[in-house]
Amino acid sequence: MTSTDERMCKCERCPSYPDCWGDTEPLVFCRKGKAPCRVIVRGCVCTSCKVHEMYGFRREYYCMQGADTSKF
């Protein structure tokens, strides 16, 4: 993962963002993997994210489903 990916990431602005890490929140779920805690579904911003577009991802809710490893 590049620092550019993290700067373009929208995860923290997602209405379903799982806030369970304190100060060490992992971002870019589509690259890093799913959240280690329960996610309350309140909507998804994945498809509007530049990282999602840049890698040609197709799914949503990576915080629940895990990373899309098929693209790298």
PDB file of N, CA and C in Angstrom:
ATOM      1  N   MET A   1       0.841  -1.170   0.000  1.00  0.00           N
ATOM      2  CA  MET A   1       0.000   0.000   0.000  1.00  0.00           C
ATOM      3  C   MET A   1       0.887   1.234   0.000  1.00  0.00           C
ATOM      4  N   THR A   2       0.437   2.210  -0.698  1.00  0.00           N
ATOM      5  CA  THR A   2       1.211   3.450  -0.792  1.00  0.00           C
ATOM      6  C   THR A   2       0.614   4.521   0.116  1.00  0.00           C
ATOM      7  N   SER A   3       1.418   5.522   0.429  1.00  0.00           N
ATOM      8  CA  SER A   3       0.896   6.634   1.229  1.00  0.00           C
ATOM      9  C   SER A   3      -0.165   7.402   0.442  1.00  0.00           C
ATOM     10  N   THR A   4      -0.076   7.371  -0.888  1.00  0.00           N
ATOM     11  CA  THR A   4      -1.095   8.003  -1.723  1.00  0.00           C
ATOM     12  C   THR A   4      -2.445   7.351  -1.480  1.00  0.00           C
ATOM     13  N   ASP A   5      -2.468   6.023  -1.381  1.00  0.00           N
ATOM     14  CA  ASP A   5      -3.719   5.307  -1.094  1.00  0.00           C
ATOM     15  C   ASP A   5      -4.343   5.813   0.196  1.00  0.00           C
ATOM     16  N   GLU A   6      -3.534   5.962   1.227  1.00  0.00           N
ATOM     17  CA  GLU A   6      -4.059   6.409   2.517  1.00  0.00           C
ATOM     18  C   GLU A   6      -4.571   7.841   2.455  1.00  0.00           C
ATOM     19  N   ARG A   7      -3.915   8.704   1.705  1.00  0.00           N
ATOM     20  CA  ARG A   7      -4.375  10.091   1.579  1.00  0.00           C
ATOM     21  C   ARG A   7      -5.697  10.179   0.813  1.00  0.00           C
ATOM     22  N   MET A   8      -5.916   9.277  -0.146  1.00  0.00           N
ATOM     23  CA  MET A   8      -7.153   9.295  -0.945  1.00  0.00           C
ATOM     24  C   MET A   8      -8.290   8.548  -0.261  1.00  0.00           C
ATOM     25  N   CYS A   9      -7.987   7.801   0.764  1.00  0.00           N
ATOM     26  CA  CYS A   9      -8.960   6.943   1.445  1.00  0.00           C
ATOM     27  C   CYS A   9     -10.099   7.751   2.060  1.00  0.00           C
ATOM     28  N   LYS A  10     -11.320   7.216   1.927  1.00  0.00           N
ATOM     29  CA  LYS A  10     -12.517   7.846   2.493  1.00  0.00           C
ATOM     30  C   LYS A  10     -13.066   7.076   3.694  1.00  0.00           C
ATOM     31  N   CYS A  11     -12.385   6.045   4.128  1.00  0.00           N
ATOM     32  CA  CYS A  11     -12.936   5.173   5.170  1.00  0.00           C
ATOM     33  C   CYS A  11     -13.428   5.931   6.392  1.00  0.00           C
ATOM     34  N   GLU A  12     -12.657   6.870   6.899  1.00  0.00           N
ATOM     35  CA  GLU A  12     -13.060   7.584   8.116  1.00  0.00           C
ATOM     36  C   GLU A  12     -14.319   8.421   7.933  1.00  0.00           C
ATOM     37  N   ARG A  13     -14.663   8.757   6.699  1.00  0.00           N
ATOM     38  CA  ARG A  13     -15.874   9.549   6.439  1.00  0.00           C
ATOM     39  C   ARG A  13     -17.095   8.669   6.146  1.00  0.00           C
ATOM     40  N   CYS A  14     -16.928   7.380   6.207  1.00  0.00           N
ATOM     41  CA  CYS A  14     -18.018   6.443   5.915  1.00  0.00           C
ATOM     42  C   CYS A  14     -18.999   6.380   7.086  1.00  0.00           C
ATOM     43  N   PRO A  15     -20.309   6.372   6.811  1.00  0.00           N
ATOM     44  CA  PRO A  15     -21.285   6.271   7.898  1.00  0.00           C
ATOM     45  C   PRO A  15     -21.224   4.937   8.644  1.00  0.00           C
ATOM     46  N   SER A  16     -20.639   3.915   8.041  1.00  0.00           N
ATOM     47  CA  SER A  16     -20.508   2.613   8.694  1.00  0.00           C
ATOM     48  C   SER A  16     -19.128   2.389   9.309  1.00  0.00           C
ATOM     49  N   TYR A  17     -18.281   3.423   9.321  1.00  0.00           N
ATOM     50  CA  TYR A  17     -16.908   3.266   9.806  1.00  0.00           C
ATOM     51  C   TYR A  17     -16.884   2.692  11.225  1.00  0.00           C
ATOM     52  N   PRO A  18     -16.237   1.550  11.402  1.00  0.00           N
ATOM     53  CA  PRO A  18     -16.168   0.924  12.721  1.00  0.00           C
ATOM     54  C   PRO A  18     -15.065   1.569  13.568  1.00  0.00           C
ATOM     55  N   ASP A  19     -15.435   2.284  14.582  1.00  0.00           N
ATOM     56  CA  ASP A  19     -14.482   3.020  15.414  1.00  0.00           C
ATOM     57  C   ASP A  19     -14.093   2.163  16.624  1.00  0.00           C
ATOM     58  N   CYS A  20     -13.160   1.242  16.412  1.00  0.00           N
ATOM     59  CA  CYS A  20     -12.810   0.331  17.508  1.00  0.00           C
ATOM     60  C   CYS A  20     -11.307   0.217  17.762  1.00  0.00           C
ATOM     61  N   TRP A  21     -10.528   1.130  17.236  1.00  0.00           N
ATOM     62  CA  TRP A  21      -9.074   1.012  17.394  1.00  0.00           C
ATOM     63  C   TRP A  21      -8.422   2.083  18.243  1.00  0.00           C
ATOM     64  N   GLY A  22      -9.157   3.055  18.733  1.00  0.00           N
ATOM     65  CA  GLY A  22      -8.529   4.159  19.447  1.00  0.00           C
ATOM     66  C   GLY A  22      -7.743   5.030  18.486  1.00  0.00           C
ATOM     67  N   ASP A  23      -6.461   5.244  18.765  1.00  0.00           N
ATOM     68  CA  ASP A  23      -5.621   6.115  17.934  1.00  0.00           C
ATOM     69  C   ASP A  23      -4.926   5.391  16.788  1.00  0.00           C
ATOM     70  N   THR A  24      -5.154   4.112  16.628  1.00  0.00           N
ATOM     71  CA  THR A  24      -4.429   3.344  15.607  1.00  0.00           C
ATOM     72  C   THR A  24      -5.360   2.762  14.560  1.00  0.00           C
ATOM     73  N   GLU A  25      -6.337   3.553  14.111  1.00  0.00           N
ATOM     74  CA  GLU A  25      -7.311   3.044  13.149  1.00  0.00           C
ATOM     75  C   GLU A  25      -6.673   2.666  11.820  1.00  0.00           C
ATOM     76  N   PRO A  26      -6.840   1.418  11.392  1.00  0.00           N
ATOM     77  CA  PRO A  26      -6.399   1.062  10.047  1.00  0.00           C
ATOM     78  C   PRO A  26      -7.395   1.609   9.027  1.00  0.00           C
ATOM     79  N   LEU A  27      -6.885   2.118   7.949  1.00  0.00           N
ATOM     80  CA  LEU A  27      -7.733   2.651   6.892  1.00  0.00           C
ATOM     81  C   LEU A  27      -7.547   1.818   5.638  1.00  0.00           C
ATOM     82  N   VAL A  28      -8.197   2.200   4.572  1.00  0.00           N
ATOM     83  CA  VAL A  28      -8.109   1.552   3.268  1.00  0.00           C
ATOM     84  C   VAL A  28      -8.469   0.062   3.406  1.00  0.00           C
ATOM     85  N   PHE A  29      -9.666  -0.182   3.913  1.00  0.00           N
ATOM     86  CA  PHE A  29     -10.115  -1.560   4.114  1.00  0.00           C
ATOM     87  C   PHE A  29     -10.039  -2.393   2.838  1.00  0.00           C
ATOM     88  N   CYS A  30     -10.260  -1.776   1.675  1.00  0.00           N
ATOM     89  CA  CYS A  30     -10.223  -2.521   0.415  1.00  0.00           C
ATOM     90  C   CYS A  30      -8.829  -3.091   0.138  1.00  0.00           C
ATOM     91  N   ARG A  31      -7.798  -2.533   0.768  1.00  0.00           N
ATOM     92  CA  ARG A  31      -6.431  -3.024   0.610  1.00  0.00           C
ATOM     93  C   ARG A  31      -5.920  -3.769   1.821  1.00  0.00           C
ATOM     94  N   LYS A  32      -6.299  -3.311   3.026  1.00  0.00           N
ATOM     95  CA  LYS A  32      -5.736  -3.859   4.262  1.00  0.00           C
ATOM     96  C   LYS A  32      -6.535  -5.013   4.856  1.00  0.00           C
ATOM     97  N   GLY A  33      -7.833  -5.021   4.628  1.00  0.00           N
ATOM     98  CA  GLY A  33      -8.649  -6.082   5.200  1.00  0.00           C
ATOM     99  C   GLY A  33      -9.757  -5.552   6.087  1.00  0.00           C
ATOM    100  N   LYS A  34     -10.544  -6.478   6.626  1.00  0.00           N
ATOM    101  CA  LYS A  34     -11.737  -6.082   7.362  1.00  0.00           C
ATOM    102  C   LYS A  34     -11.416  -5.616   8.775  1.00  0.00           C
ATOM    103  N   ALA A  35     -12.390  -4.971   9.378  1.00  0.00           N
ATOM    104  CA  ALA A  35     -12.264  -4.455  10.733  1.00  0.00           C
ATOM    105  C   ALA A  35     -12.263  -5.608  11.736  1.00  0.00           C
ATOM    106  N   PRO A  36     -11.535  -5.447  12.840  1.00  0.00           N
ATOM    107  CA  PRO A  36     -11.493  -6.498  13.854  1.00  0.00           C
ATOM    108  C   PRO A  36     -12.649  -6.413  14.848  1.00  0.00           C
ATOM    109  N   CYS A  37     -13.679  -5.658  14.497  1.00  0.00           N
ATOM    110  CA  CYS A  37     -14.819  -5.506  15.391  1.00  0.00           C
ATOM    111  C   CYS A  37     -16.111  -5.498  14.567  1.00  0.00           C
ATOM    112  N   ARG A  38     -17.216  -5.465  15.268  1.00  0.00           N
ATOM    113  CA  ARG A  38     -18.527  -5.451  14.622  1.00  0.00           C
ATOM    114  C   ARG A  38     -18.735  -4.148  13.848  1.00  0.00           C
ATOM    115  N   VAL A  39     -19.309  -4.258  12.672  1.00  0.00           N
ATOM    116  CA  VAL A  39     -19.616  -3.095  11.840  1.00  0.00           C
ATOM    117  C   VAL A  39     -21.134  -2.926  11.809  1.00  0.00           C
ATOM    118  N   ILE A  40     -21.595  -1.741  12.122  1.00  0.00           N
ATOM    119  CA  ILE A  40     -23.024  -1.428  12.047  1.00  0.00           C
ATOM    120  C   ILE A  40     -23.264  -0.789  10.684  1.00  0.00           C
ATOM    121  N   VAL A  41     -24.062  -1.432   9.860  1.00  0.00           N
ATOM    122  CA  VAL A  41     -24.304  -0.987   8.493  1.00  0.00           C
ATOM    123  C   VAL A  41     -25.174   0.264   8.492  1.00  0.00           C
ATOM    124  N   ARG A  42     -24.575   1.362   7.999  1.00  0.00           N
ATOM    125  CA  ARG A  42     -25.276   2.648   7.908  1.00  0.00           C
ATOM    126  C   ARG A  42     -25.063   3.291   6.542  1.00  0.00           C
ATOM    127  N   GLY A  43     -24.599   2.531   5.582  1.00  0.00           N
ATOM    128  CA  GLY A  43     -24.271   3.061   4.272  1.00  0.00           C
ATOM    129  C   GLY A  43     -22.799   2.828   3.973  1.00  0.00           C
ATOM    130  N   CYS A  44     -22.420   2.980   2.702  1.00  0.00           N
ATOM    131  CA  CYS A  44     -21.059   2.674   2.263  1.00  0.00           C
ATOM    132  C   CYS A  44     -20.592   3.730   1.262  1.00  0.00           C
ATOM    133  N   VAL A  45     -19.334   4.157   1.397  1.00  0.00           N
ATOM    134  CA  VAL A  45     -18.761   5.135   0.468  1.00  0.00           C
ATOM    135  C   VAL A  45     -17.695   4.516  -0.431  1.00  0.00           C
ATOM    136  N   CYS A  46     -17.503   3.222  -0.364  1.00  0.00           N
ATOM    137  CA  CYS A  46     -16.428   2.559  -1.120  1.00  0.00           C
ATOM    138  C   CYS A  46     -16.425   2.920  -2.608  1.00  0.00           C
ATOM    139  N   THR A  47     -17.572   2.856  -3.235  1.00  0.00           N
ATOM    140  CA  THR A  47     -17.605   3.056  -4.689  1.00  0.00           C
ATOM    141  C   THR A  47     -17.323   4.495  -5.106  1.00  0.00           C
ATOM    142  N   SER A  48     -17.356   5.436  -4.160  1.00  0.00           N
ATOM    143  CA  SER A  48     -17.025   6.828  -4.484  1.00  0.00           C
ATOM    144  C   SER A  48     -15.578   7.176  -4.124  1.00  0.00           C
ATOM    145  N   CYS A  49     -14.822   6.201  -3.687  1.00  0.00           N
ATOM    146  CA  CYS A  49     -13.443   6.412  -3.238  1.00  0.00           C
ATOM    147  C   CYS A  49     -12.462   6.297  -4.409  1.00  0.00           C
ATOM    148  N   LYS A  50     -11.483   7.191  -4.451  1.00  0.00           N
ATOM    149  CA  LYS A  50     -10.474   7.164  -5.524  1.00  0.00           C
ATOM    150  C   LYS A  50      -9.631   5.891  -5.492  1.00  0.00           C
ATOM    151  N   VAL A  51      -9.365   5.350  -4.312  1.00  0.00           N
ATOM    152  CA  VAL A  51      -8.590   4.101  -4.206  1.00  0.00           C
ATOM    153  C   VAL A  51      -9.376   2.967  -4.857  1.00  0.00           C
ATOM    154  N   HIS A  52     -10.654   2.908  -4.569  1.00  0.00           N
ATOM    155  CA  HIS A  52     -11.552   1.898  -5.144  1.00  0.00           C
ATOM    156  C   HIS A  52     -11.536   1.982  -6.661  1.00  0.00           C
ATOM    157  N   GLU A  53     -11.624   3.182  -7.178  1.00  0.00           N
ATOM    158  CA  GLU A  53     -11.608   3.405  -8.629  1.00  0.00           C
ATOM    159  C   GLU A  53     -10.242   3.081  -9.241  1.00  0.00           C
ATOM    160  N   MET A  54      -9.179   3.531  -8.598  1.00  0.00           N
ATOM    161  CA  MET A  54      -7.819   3.365  -9.118  1.00  0.00           C
ATOM    162  C   MET A  54      -7.448   1.892  -9.327  1.00  0.00           C
ATOM    163  N   TYR A  55      -7.902   1.013  -8.430  1.00  0.00           N
ATOM    164  CA  TYR A  55      -7.570  -0.407  -8.534  1.00  0.00           C
ATOM    165  C   TYR A  55      -8.653  -1.232  -9.223  1.00  0.00           C
ATOM    166  N   GLY A  56      -9.737  -0.596  -9.630  1.00  0.00           N
ATOM    167  CA  GLY A  56     -10.794  -1.313 -10.334  1.00  0.00           C
ATOM    168  C   GLY A  56     -11.576  -2.262  -9.444  1.00  0.00           C
ATOM    169  N   PHE A  57     -11.687  -1.919  -8.148  1.00  0.00           N
ATOM    170  CA  PHE A  57     -12.456  -2.766  -7.242  1.00  0.00           C
ATOM    171  C   PHE A  57     -13.935  -2.696  -7.597  1.00  0.00           C
ATOM    172  N   ARG A  58     -14.694  -3.694  -7.203  1.00  0.00           N
ATOM    173  CA  ARG A  58     -16.100  -3.756  -7.563  1.00  0.00           C
ATOM    174  C   ARG A  58     -17.044  -3.894  -6.370  1.00  0.00           C
ATOM    175  N   ARG A  59     -16.556  -4.372  -5.253  1.00  0.00           N
ATOM    176  CA  ARG A  59     -17.428  -4.640  -4.103  1.00  0.00           C
ATOM    177  C   ARG A  59     -17.624  -3.401  -3.231  1.00  0.00           C
ATOM    178  N   GLU A  60     -18.345  -3.594  -2.149  1.00  0.00           N
ATOM    179  CA  GLU A  60     -18.553  -2.580  -1.121  1.00  0.00           C
ATOM    180  C   GLU A  60     -18.335  -3.236   0.244  1.00  0.00           C
ATOM    181  N   TYR A  61     -18.385  -2.449   1.269  1.00  0.00           N
ATOM    182  CA  TYR A  61     -18.276  -2.920   2.654  1.00  0.00           C
ATOM    183  C   TYR A  61     -17.039  -3.786   2.889  1.00  0.00           C
ATOM    184  N   TYR A  62     -15.883  -3.290   2.484  1.00  0.00           N
ATOM    185  CA  TYR A  62     -14.624  -4.004   2.733  1.00  0.00           C
ATOM    186  C   TYR A  62     -14.337  -4.102   4.220  1.00  0.00           C
ATOM    187  N   CYS A  63     -14.881  -3.171   5.020  1.00  0.00           N
ATOM    188  CA  CYS A  63     -14.696  -3.226   6.463  1.00  0.00           C
ATOM    189  C   CYS A  63     -15.341  -4.482   7.048  1.00  0.00           C
ATOM    190  N   MET A  64     -16.324  -5.054   6.342  1.00  0.00           N
ATOM    191  CA  MET A  64     -16.993  -6.277   6.778  1.00  0.00           C
ATOM    192  C   MET A  64     -16.501  -7.508   6.029  1.00  0.00           C
ATOM    193  N   GLN A  65     -16.204  -7.359   4.734  1.00  0.00           N
ATOM    194  CA  GLN A  65     -15.885  -8.496   3.873  1.00  0.00           C
ATOM    195  C   GLN A  65     -14.398  -8.781   3.734  1.00  0.00           C
ATOM    196  N   GLY A  66     -13.558  -7.782   3.970  1.00  0.00           N
ATOM    197  CA  GLY A  66     -12.116  -7.973   3.830  1.00  0.00           C
ATOM    198  C   GLY A  66     -11.601  -7.377   2.532  1.00  0.00           C
ATOM    199  N   ALA A  67     -10.297  -7.391   2.390  1.00  0.00           N
ATOM    200  CA  ALA A  67      -9.621  -6.777   1.250  1.00  0.00           C
ATOM    201  C   ALA A  67      -9.938  -7.478  -0.058  1.00  0.00           C
ATOM    202  N   ASP A  68      -9.825  -6.729  -1.141  1.00  0.00           N
ATOM    203  CA  ASP A  68      -9.958  -7.296  -2.478  1.00  0.00           C
ATOM    204  C   ASP A  68      -8.559  -7.623  -2.977  1.00  0.00           C
ATOM    205  N   THR A  69      -8.137  -8.839  -2.723  1.00  0.00           N
ATOM    206  CA  THR A  69      -6.764  -9.240  -3.057  1.00  0.00           C
ATOM    207  C   THR A  69      -6.622  -9.656  -4.518  1.00  0.00           C
ATOM    208  N   SER A  70      -7.709  -9.692  -5.257  1.00  0.00           N
ATOM    209  CA  SER A  70      -7.641 -10.130  -6.663  1.00  0.00           C
ATOM    210  C   SER A  70      -6.964  -9.114  -7.571  1.00  0.00           C
ATOM    211  N   LYS A  71      -6.795  -7.868  -7.111  1.00  0.00           N
ATOM    212  CA  LYS A  71      -6.273  -6.809  -7.963  1.00  0.00           C
ATOM    213  C   LYS A  71      -4.783  -6.530  -7.778  1.00  0.00           C
ATOM    214  N   PHE A  72      -4.110  -7.244  -6.860  1.00  0.00           N
ATOM    215  CA  PHE A  72      -2.676  -7.043  -6.695  1.00  0.00           C
ATOM    216  C   PHE A  72      -1.962  -8.340  -6.482  1.00  0.00           C
TER     217      PHE A  72
END
